[in-house]
Protein backbone atom coordinates (compact mmCIF):
# COMPACT_ATOMS: atom_id res chain seq x y z
CA PHE A 1 0.14 0.18 0.35
CA LEU A 2 2.74 2.05 0.74
CA LYS A 3 4.53 1.60 -2.26
CA LYS A 4 1.03 2.30 -4.32
CA MET A 5 0.93 5.54 -2.15
CA LYS A 6 4.46 6.90 -3.25
CA GLN A 7 3.30 6.22 -7.23
CA GLY A 8 0.49 8.54 -6.56
CA TYR A 9 -2.53 6.10 -5.73
CA GLU A 10 -4.90 7.82 -3.41
CA GLN A 11 -8.24 5.96 -2.21
CA ASN A 12 -10.24 8.44 -0.92
CA GLU A 13 -13.59 7.70 0.72
CA VAL A 14 -16.18 8.83 -1.48
CA SER A 15 -19.25 7.42 -3.06
CA LEU A 16 -19.29 6.15 -6.26
CA VAL A 17 -22.68 8.01 -7.22
CA ASP A 18 -20.75 10.92 -5.64
CA TYR A 19 -17.63 10.79 -7.59
CA ILE A 20 -19.87 10.58 -10.99
CA ARG A 21 -21.83 13.68 -9.36
CA ASN A 22 -18.48 15.73 -8.61
CA TRP A 23 -17.01 14.51 -12.26
CA ILE A 24 -20.31 15.62 -14.31
CA ASP A 25 -20.04 19.22 -12.49
CA ASN A 26 -16.66 20.33 -12.05
CA TYR A 27 -15.35 17.87 -15.65
CA LYS A 28 -18.23 17.82 -18.15
CA LYS A 29 -20.19 21.33 -17.61
CA GLY A 30 -19.08 24.07 -19.81
CA VAL A 31 -17.14 21.40 -22.05
CA VAL A 32 -19.57 19.43 -23.23
CA ARG A 33 -22.84 20.20 -24.99
CA LYS A 34 -25.55 20.20 -22.41
CA ASN A 35 -27.33 17.57 -24.49
CA THR A 36 -24.77 15.16 -23.66
CA ILE A 37 -24.79 16.86 -19.74
CA LYS A 38 -28.41 15.78 -19.82
CA GLN A 39 -27.29 11.96 -20.94
CA HIS A 40 -24.92 11.78 -18.18
CA GLU A 41 -28.22 13.28 -15.57
CA ASN A 42 -29.98 10.63 -16.31
CA SER A 43 -28.14 7.54 -16.20
CA LEU A 44 -26.72 8.76 -12.82
CA ASN A 45 -29.92 9.60 -11.35
CA THR A 46 -32.35 6.62 -13.18
CA HIS A 47 -30.08 3.83 -13.31
CA ILE A 48 -26.74 4.67 -11.56
CA ARG A 49 -28.07 6.32 -8.45
CA PRO A 50 -30.47 3.30 -7.87
CA TYR A 51 -28.77 0.77 -8.07
CA PHE A 52 -25.37 1.59 -6.19
CA LYS A 53 -26.59 3.39 -3.93
CA GLN A 54 -24.15 4.16 -0.60
CA LEU A 55 -21.56 2.23 -2.84
CA MET A 56 -17.80 3.40 -2.53
CA LEU A 57 -16.19 4.08 -4.89
CA LYS A 58 -13.10 2.01 -3.85
CA ASP A 59 -15.82 -1.13 -3.58
CA LEU A 60 -16.72 -1.22 -7.13
CA LYS A 61 -15.44 -4.50 -8.48
CA PRO A 62 -15.69 -5.62 -11.93
CA ASP A 63 -18.10 -8.57 -11.34
CA MET A 64 -20.44 -5.85 -9.65
CA TYR A 65 -20.60 -3.80 -12.54
CA GLN A 66 -21.26 -6.47 -14.89
CA LYS A 67 -24.13 -7.32 -13.08
CA PHE A 68 -25.33 -4.01 -13.18
CA LEU A 69 -25.06 -3.74 -16.87
CA ASP A 70 -27.06 -6.86 -16.62
CA SER A 71 -29.43 -5.88 -14.69
CA CYS A 72 -30.45 -2.71 -17.19
CA LEU A 73 -31.16 -5.08 -19.67
CA LEU A 74 -33.31 -7.51 -17.43
CA LYS A 75 -35.02 -4.51 -16.78
CA GLY A 76 -35.85 -3.79 -20.63
CA LEU A 77 -33.75 -1.01 -21.64
CA SER A 78 -32.63 -1.30 -24.57
CA SER A 79 -28.51 -1.86 -25.67
CA ARG A 80 -28.24 1.49 -27.10
CA THR A 81 -29.52 2.51 -23.68
CA VAL A 82 -27.27 0.60 -21.66
CA GLU A 83 -23.92 2.00 -23.85
CA ILE A 84 -24.70 5.03 -23.10
CA ILE A 85 -25.30 4.07 -18.92
CA ASN A 86 -21.95 2.74 -19.59
CA SER A 87 -20.68 5.13 -21.14
CA THR A 88 -21.18 7.47 -18.38
CA VAL A 89 -19.95 5.16 -15.91
CA TYR A 90 -16.89 4.66 -17.41
CA ALA A 91 -15.82 7.79 -18.21
CA ALA A 92 -16.37 9.22 -15.06
CA ILE A 93 -14.19 6.33 -13.54
CA GLU A 94 -11.25 6.38 -16.02
CA HIS A 95 -11.22 10.04 -14.81
CA ALA A 96 -10.46 8.36 -11.39
CA VAL A 97 -7.96 6.37 -12.48
CA ILE A 98 -6.14 9.35 -13.91
CA GLN A 99 -6.94 11.22 -10.39
CA GLY A 100 -4.45 8.58 -8.54
CA LYS A 101 -8.20 7.40 -7.06
CA LEU A 102 -8.45 4.19 -8.12
CA GLU A 103 -5.57 1.52 -9.60
CA ARG A 104 -7.27 0.51 -12.29
CA ASN A 105 -10.89 0.72 -13.89
CA PRO A 106 -13.82 -2.00 -13.11
CA CYS A 107 -15.63 -1.20 -15.95
CA LYS A 108 -12.92 -2.54 -18.69
CA GLY A 109 -13.71 -6.09 -19.91
CA SER A 110 -17.23 -5.85 -19.29
CA ILE A 111 -19.55 -6.53 -22.06
CA ILE A 112 -23.29 -5.48 -22.79
CA LYS A 113 -24.73 -8.81 -24.17
CA GLY A 114 -28.08 -7.82 -25.67
CA GLU A 115 -28.32 -7.85 -28.99
CA ARG A 116 -28.23 -4.11 -30.76
CA LYS A 117 -31.17 -3.43 -32.57
CA LYS A 118 -30.09 -2.17 -35.93
CA LYS A 119 -31.88 1.36 -36.70
CA SER A 120 -33.75 0.98 -40.47
CA LEU A 121 -33.54 3.78 -42.26
CA ASP A 122 -36.73 5.10 -42.93
CA PHE A 123 -37.74 7.59 -45.87
CA ILE A 124 -40.46 8.95 -48.02
CA ASP A 125 -39.94 7.49 -51.40
CA SER A 126 -39.57 10.47 -53.79
CA GLY A 127 -43.14 9.85 -55.89
CA GLU A 128 -45.00 10.56 -52.67
CA ILE A 129 -43.52 13.61 -51.61
CA ALA A 130 -46.05 15.67 -53.00
CA ASN A 131 -48.66 13.65 -52.34
CA PHE A 132 -46.84 14.10 -48.40
CA LEU A 133 -46.70 17.85 -48.77
CA HIS A 134 -50.27 18.02 -50.30
CA ALA A 135 -51.54 16.39 -47.07
CA ALA A 136 -49.53 18.86 -45.14
CA ARG A 137 -50.74 21.88 -46.72
CA GLY A 138 -54.29 20.77 -46.59
CA TYR A 139 -53.50 20.30 -42.70
CA GLY A 140 -52.00 23.18 -41.99
CA TYR A 141 -49.82 26.41 -43.48
CA ILE A 142 -47.34 26.05 -40.54
CA TYR A 143 -46.81 22.70 -40.76
CA TRP A 144 -46.61 22.60 -44.33
CA ILE A 145 -43.47 24.94 -44.45
CA PHE A 146 -42.05 23.15 -41.32
CA PHE A 147 -41.72 19.95 -42.81
CA LYS A 148 -41.52 21.21 -46.29
CA VAL A 149 -37.81 23.03 -45.33
CA LEU A 150 -37.11 19.49 -43.31
CA LEU A 151 -37.41 17.81 -47.03
CA GLU A 152 -35.37 20.56 -49.03
CA THR A 153 -32.08 21.22 -46.62
CA GLY A 154 -32.03 17.79 -44.25
CA MET A 155 -32.05 20.09 -41.30
CA ARG A 156 -32.94 18.08 -37.87
CA LYS A 157 -36.05 19.49 -36.39
CA GLY A 158 -34.58 20.95 -33.23
CA GLU A 159 -32.55 23.01 -35.95
CA ALA A 160 -35.66 24.64 -38.14
CA ALA A 161 -37.72 25.11 -34.91
CA ALA A 162 -34.43 27.51 -33.50
CA LEU A 163 -34.19 28.95 -37.33
CA ARG A 164 -33.84 32.66 -37.18
CA TRP A 165 -34.35 35.57 -39.83
CA SER A 166 -31.35 36.55 -39.40
CA ASP A 167 -29.69 32.83 -40.65
CA ILE A 168 -31.86 33.51 -43.63
CA ASN A 169 -29.08 35.34 -46.70
CA PHE A 170 -32.03 35.65 -49.60
CA LYS A 171 -29.24 36.96 -51.58
CA GLU A 172 -27.06 34.07 -51.40
CA LYS A 173 -30.12 30.94 -51.32
CA LYS A 174 -27.78 29.95 -47.86
CA ILE A 175 -29.05 29.33 -44.59
CA TYR A 176 -26.69 29.99 -41.18
CA ILE A 177 -27.30 26.49 -38.81
CA ASP A 178 -25.62 27.24 -35.14
CA GLU A 179 -28.16 26.38 -32.86
CA THR A 180 -31.25 23.57 -32.04
CA LEU A 181 -34.05 24.56 -30.08
CA ASP A 182 -34.53 22.23 -26.76
CA PHE A 183 -37.79 21.32 -26.35
CA GLN A 184 -37.60 20.63 -23.17
CA ALA A 185 -36.58 23.49 -21.81
CA GLU A 186 -38.23 24.94 -18.56
CA ASN A 187 -37.55 28.64 -19.19
CA LYS A 188 -37.25 30.84 -22.23
CA ASP A 189 -33.46 31.17 -21.27
CA GLU A 190 -33.01 27.58 -22.15
CA LEU A 191 -34.77 28.01 -25.04
CA PHE A 192 -31.61 27.63 -27.85
CA GLY A 193 -28.81 25.74 -27.09
CA ASP A 194 -25.91 24.25 -29.26
CA THR A 195 -26.00 22.36 -32.18
CA LYS A 196 -25.93 18.11 -31.94
CA THR A 197 -22.40 18.33 -32.42
CA PHE A 198 -19.59 20.49 -33.47
CA ARG A 199 -19.68 20.32 -37.27
CA SER A 200 -23.15 20.42 -37.20
CA THR A 201 -22.62 24.68 -37.21
CA ARG A 202 -22.60 24.95 -41.32
CA THR A 203 -23.87 27.01 -43.60
CA ILE A 204 -25.78 25.08 -46.15
CA ALA A 205 -27.12 25.88 -50.01
CA VAL A 206 -31.18 26.00 -50.86
CA SER A 207 -32.83 25.99 -53.59
CA THR A 208 -34.27 29.18 -55.46
CA SER A 209 -37.68 27.88 -55.00
CA LEU A 210 -37.25 27.18 -51.39
CA ILE A 211 -36.24 30.96 -51.16
CA ASN A 212 -39.07 32.03 -52.88
CA ASP A 213 -41.14 29.75 -50.63
CA LEU A 214 -39.73 31.77 -47.68
CA ARG A 215 -40.17 34.79 -49.05
CA TYR A 216 -44.00 34.71 -49.49
CA HIS A 217 -43.36 33.30 -45.14
CA ALA A 218 -42.01 36.16 -44.29
CA THR A 219 -44.79 38.17 -45.54
CA TRP A 220 -47.45 36.44 -44.49
CA GLN A 221 -45.82 35.76 -40.84
CA ASN A 222 -46.09 40.18 -40.91
CA GLN A 223 -49.32 39.97 -41.65
CA ASN A 224 -49.47 38.01 -38.32
CA LYS A 225 -47.79 40.73 -36.32
CA ILE A 226 -49.88 43.33 -37.67
CA ASN A 227 -53.24 41.44 -36.80
CA LEU A 228 -52.24 40.41 -33.47
CA GLY A 229 -50.69 43.72 -32.32
CA GLU A 230 -46.97 44.59 -31.27
CA SER A 231 -47.99 43.51 -27.91
CA MET A 232 -48.86 39.92 -28.80
CA TYR A 233 -46.30 38.68 -31.14
CA LYS A 234 -43.41 37.11 -29.72
CA HIS A 235 -41.02 39.84 -31.70
CA ASP A 236 -38.04 38.92 -29.30
CA LEU A 237 -37.41 35.12 -30.56
CA ASN A 238 -37.34 36.01 -34.34
CA LEU A 239 -38.21 32.65 -35.15
CA VAL A 240 -38.79 31.96 -38.79
CA LEU A 241 -40.81 28.34 -38.03
CA CYS A 242 -42.83 29.17 -35.27
CA ARG A 243 -46.88 29.37 -34.46
CA ASN A 244 -49.04 32.26 -35.20
CA ASP A 245 -47.85 34.35 -32.28
CA GLY A 246 -44.16 33.92 -33.38
CA SER A 247 -44.00 31.18 -30.21
CA HIS A 248 -41.77 27.84 -30.93
CA MET A 249 -43.17 24.89 -32.10
CA PRO A 250 -43.85 22.27 -29.45
CA LYS A 251 -42.53 18.67 -30.10
CA SER A 252 -45.97 17.17 -29.39
CA THR A 253 -47.59 19.48 -31.02
CA LEU A 254 -45.25 18.86 -34.70
CA PHE A 255 -45.51 14.26 -33.38
CA ASN A 256 -49.50 14.94 -33.81
CA ALA A 257 -49.28 17.02 -36.86
CA PHE A 258 -46.72 14.23 -38.48
CA GLN A 259 -48.87 11.51 -37.68
CA ARG A 260 -52.19 12.91 -38.74
CA ILE A 261 -50.49 14.68 -42.21
CA LEU A 262 -48.89 10.89 -42.56
CA LYS A 263 -52.28 9.07 -42.55
CA ARG A 264 -54.35 11.68 -44.58
CA ALA A 265 -51.59 10.90 -47.32
CA GLU A 266 -51.88 7.23 -47.01
CA LEU A 267 -48.22 6.83 -45.98
CA SER A 268 -46.88 4.34 -43.04
CA GLU A 269 -47.37 5.82 -39.56
CA ASP A 270 -44.17 4.39 -38.46
CA LEU A 271 -42.20 7.22 -39.86
CA ARG A 272 -40.71 9.35 -37.92
CA ILE A 273 -39.83 13.82 -38.51
CA HIS A 274 -36.62 12.14 -38.79
CA SER A 275 -37.33 10.60 -41.75
CA LEU A 276 -37.52 13.73 -43.64
CA ARG A 277 -33.44 14.15 -43.32
CA HIS A 278 -33.27 11.04 -44.72
CA THR A 279 -35.56 11.80 -47.32
CA TYR A 280 -33.33 14.63 -47.93
CA ALA A 281 -30.52 12.88 -48.54
CA VAL A 282 -32.27 10.10 -50.79
CA LEU A 283 -33.08 12.86 -52.63
CA MET A 284 -29.84 14.35 -53.12
CA LEU A 285 -28.25 10.85 -54.32
CA GLU A 286 -30.92 10.44 -57.09
CA ALA A 287 -30.13 13.32 -58.54
CA GLY A 288 -26.43 12.32 -58.58
CA ALA A 289 -24.95 15.01 -55.83
CA ASP A 290 -21.68 13.57 -54.37
CA ILE A 291 -21.64 11.93 -51.28
CA LYS A 292 -18.73 15.01 -49.81
CA PHE A 293 -22.10 17.47 -50.36
CA ILE A 294 -24.72 15.47 -48.46
CA GLN A 295 -22.23 15.29 -45.82
CA GLU A 296 -21.24 19.18 -45.68
CA GLN A 297 -25.47 20.10 -45.94
CA LEU A 298 -26.10 17.56 -43.14
CA GLY A 299 -23.50 18.31 -40.76
CA HIS A 300 -22.04 14.43 -39.90
CA GLY A 301 -18.91 14.66 -38.32
CA SER A 302 -16.81 12.53 -41.87
CA VAL A 303 -17.83 11.28 -45.33
CA GLN A 304 -17.69 7.93 -43.56
CA ILE A 305 -20.89 8.67 -40.95
CA THR A 306 -23.08 10.00 -44.60
CA SER A 307 -21.41 6.38 -46.75
CA ASP A 308 -21.98 4.29 -43.82
CA ILE A 309 -25.82 5.59 -43.18
CA TYR A 310 -26.99 5.77 -46.80
CA ALA A 311 -24.80 2.85 -48.26
CA HIS A 312 -27.74 0.55 -48.85
CA ILE A 313 -29.89 2.79 -50.19
CA SER A 314 -27.50 4.06 -52.83
CA LYS A 315 -27.56 0.21 -53.42
CA LYS A 316 -31.53 0.47 -53.77
CA LEU A 317 -30.73 3.44 -56.37
CA GLU A 318 -28.15 1.73 -58.18
CA GLN A 319 -30.39 -1.36 -58.94
CA ARG A 320 -33.66 0.73 -59.47
CA ASN A 321 -31.15 2.04 -62.66
CA ILE A 322 -30.45 -1.56 -63.27
CA ASP A 323 -33.91 -2.64 -63.73
């Protein structure tokens, strides 16, 4: 033990839960994005704390940690959720090793036994897009313009919901994306956050037809401002895609509208709003766009990510061309 002490090895009397809490507060906040902090805190409060309770950091053993991961799967959590929980504990304890609080990381060598389900890449077939947009226009103008922007830009819904008029360059036909709307924000100060990743902050090129739609939308919105009056309209937000009074679009409202539009268009109701992002990528691939261009438009971290996600779509398009 004295030898270990000389090497800087130090065992502090701190619980596992308290150590992870301290790690999040002092080493992650202000360094990683807000959504990542939320993931860490959810892992800690919902899964780690109830299981380990007052277990001391120094008492965590590999077998004990493996049983914890197994118990998460037995509770019915998906493999992906358990991976997220594991990433929180692993990273925090790796930091404890660096600090000299532990000799080794007891999480090393643990396995997540459940089979991770592959996400199906759902999108609207290009032949059905006009039908979808027609159904959206019939359901409500603000939903039509919101979903049309997603289809023509590949933006995430949070990015579109956070779009402000100052982000649109009508002359150069470009849109600047540097924020995302936090649909779970508890107050106005927390409404806007960073994009999903650093690469997600980007400038994208858009079509002349979408620019024309946005010009019309600006006129339509200005009429709303006149109708409601200065005091009623949420001028301070300056949102492009919003409700009639300028307030942000709630996630539940968008979800319900999307499901009803799919039903009206007689499309699969298993589709998610995120499928419009995939649909945009498919349209670009069908049009023969370069994979690098698609990557930059979508804000993926690398061309490899874009290629991996859409590889099987490319094969489908190739087969269609052969046919």
